[in-house]
Every structure is written in structure tokens, then in C-alpha cells.
Amino acid sequence: MNDTTTITLTSRFQTIITRCYTGSVSSDENRAAHGGVCITECRRTASGPILARQVNINGRHTEVGESYEITDAEFRQMLLAIA
């Protein structure tokens, strides 16, 4: 498989995947953000690791989940899922 999808991660979160709403992503729940879409965002830290987070969006309402560290291999799997 020829993977032509390339994303250069910066220190700012970038949307990687957009999918339908599947549930709350934060312990600080914002019910107004439920029912729209859920996006996965990723960024690279200054020291090298990749951070990811889930964000629910419904119109102007958002619910941001906690950031968690992922490996380069997990990031490549995300890219393959959208290719």
C-alpha cells in the first residue's frame, strides 16, 4: 500500500480524524457538546512525544478530553485509518 497521507505535527493540536459522536470524552462533561462530531487531535511536544486528545463538537459547544501520549506507531495507525 502506498501511503501518500503525510501530516507534519507541530506544537499546536491538529485535527487528524473526524467521526460521529460516541460518548463523553471528559470528566468535566459539557452535555451541549454531545450529539455532533468527535475529533481526534494530535501534536508533538518540544521534547518529542506525540500527544492526542478527543474533542466533542456540536455547533459552538465543545468538550475537550484529557491529553494522552501515543507512540509514532499508533500515530501511523491513525493515518492509515483515514487513508
Protein backbone atom coordinates (compact mmCIF):
# COMPACT_ATOMS: atom_id res chain seq x y z
CA MET A 1 0.00 0.00 0.00
CA ASN A 2 1.37 3.39 -0.98
CA ASP A 3 0.66 5.79 1.87
CA THR A 4 0.51 9.32 0.44
CA THR A 5 -1.04 10.78 3.59
CA THR A 6 1.56 12.84 5.40
CA ILE A 7 0.96 15.18 8.29
CA THR A 8 3.73 17.15 9.88
CA LEU A 9 2.93 17.57 13.54
CA THR A 10 3.70 20.91 15.18
CA SER A 11 3.35 22.10 18.75
CA ARG A 12 -0.30 23.04 18.12
CA PHE A 13 -3.09 20.45 18.13
CA GLN A 14 -4.21 19.46 14.62
CA THR A 15 -7.35 17.55 13.67
CA ILE A 16 -6.43 14.06 12.47
CA ILE A 17 -9.76 12.18 12.49
CA THR A 18 -13.38 13.37 12.44
CA ARG A 19 -16.10 10.85 13.28
CA CYS A 20 -19.60 10.73 14.73
CA TYR A 21 -20.26 11.37 18.41
CA THR A 22 -19.78 8.22 20.52
CA GLY A 23 -19.89 9.47 24.12
CA SER A 24 -18.47 11.86 26.66
CA VAL A 25 -14.70 12.44 26.44
CA SER A 26 -14.16 14.45 29.62
CA SER A 27 -14.86 14.12 33.32
CA ASP A 28 -15.88 17.80 33.10
CA GLU A 29 -18.85 16.93 30.89
CA ASN A 30 -20.47 19.53 28.62
CA ARG A 31 -23.76 17.95 27.56
CA ALA A 32 -24.38 20.70 24.99
CA ALA A 33 -21.37 19.39 23.04
CA HIS A 34 -22.87 15.90 22.76
CA GLY A 35 -24.54 14.64 19.59
CA GLY A 36 -22.35 16.33 16.96
CA VAL A 37 -18.93 15.03 15.96
CA CYS A 38 -15.89 13.79 17.84
CA ILE A 39 -12.46 14.71 16.55
CA THR A 40 -9.06 13.31 17.43
CA GLU A 41 -6.33 15.93 17.62
CA CYS A 42 -2.59 15.35 17.86
CA ARG A 43 0.51 17.47 18.46
CA ARG A 44 4.21 16.87 19.04
CA THR A 45 5.75 18.18 22.27
CA ALA A 46 9.04 20.08 22.35
CA SER A 47 10.75 17.04 23.84
CA GLY A 48 9.48 14.71 21.09
CA PRO A 49 6.48 12.59 22.24
CA ILE A 50 3.10 12.84 20.49
CA LEU A 51 0.05 13.89 22.49
CA ALA A 52 -3.50 13.09 21.39
CA ARG A 53 -6.90 14.13 22.70
CA GLN A 54 -10.58 13.71 21.86
CA VAL A 55 -12.86 16.72 21.39
CA ASN A 56 -16.66 16.61 21.07
CA ILE A 57 -18.12 19.43 18.99
CA ASN A 58 -21.77 20.33 18.49
CA GLY A 59 -22.16 23.71 16.86
CA ARG A 60 -20.26 26.18 19.02
CA HIS A 61 -20.20 23.86 22.05
CA THR A 62 -17.05 21.85 22.78
CA GLU A 63 -15.94 19.23 25.29
CA VAL A 64 -12.18 18.63 25.42
CA GLY A 65 -10.79 15.38 26.80
CA GLU A 66 -7.50 14.90 28.63
CA SER A 67 -4.34 14.65 26.51
CA TYR A 68 -2.59 11.30 26.41
CA GLU A 69 0.73 10.19 24.95
CA ILE A 70 0.80 7.93 21.89
CA THR A 71 3.69 6.29 20.05
CA ASP A 72 4.78 7.04 16.49
CA ALA A 73 3.38 3.63 15.50
CA GLU A 74 -0.04 4.50 16.97
CA PHE A 75 0.01 7.80 15.09
CA ARG A 76 0.81 5.99 11.83
CA GLN A 77 -2.13 3.65 12.51
CA MET A 78 -4.40 6.71 12.80
CA LEU A 79 -3.15 7.95 9.44
CA LEU A 80 -3.74 4.55 7.84
CA ALA A 81 -7.31 4.56 9.18
CA ILE A 82 -8.08 7.74 7.24
CA ALA A 83 -6.13 6.89 4.07
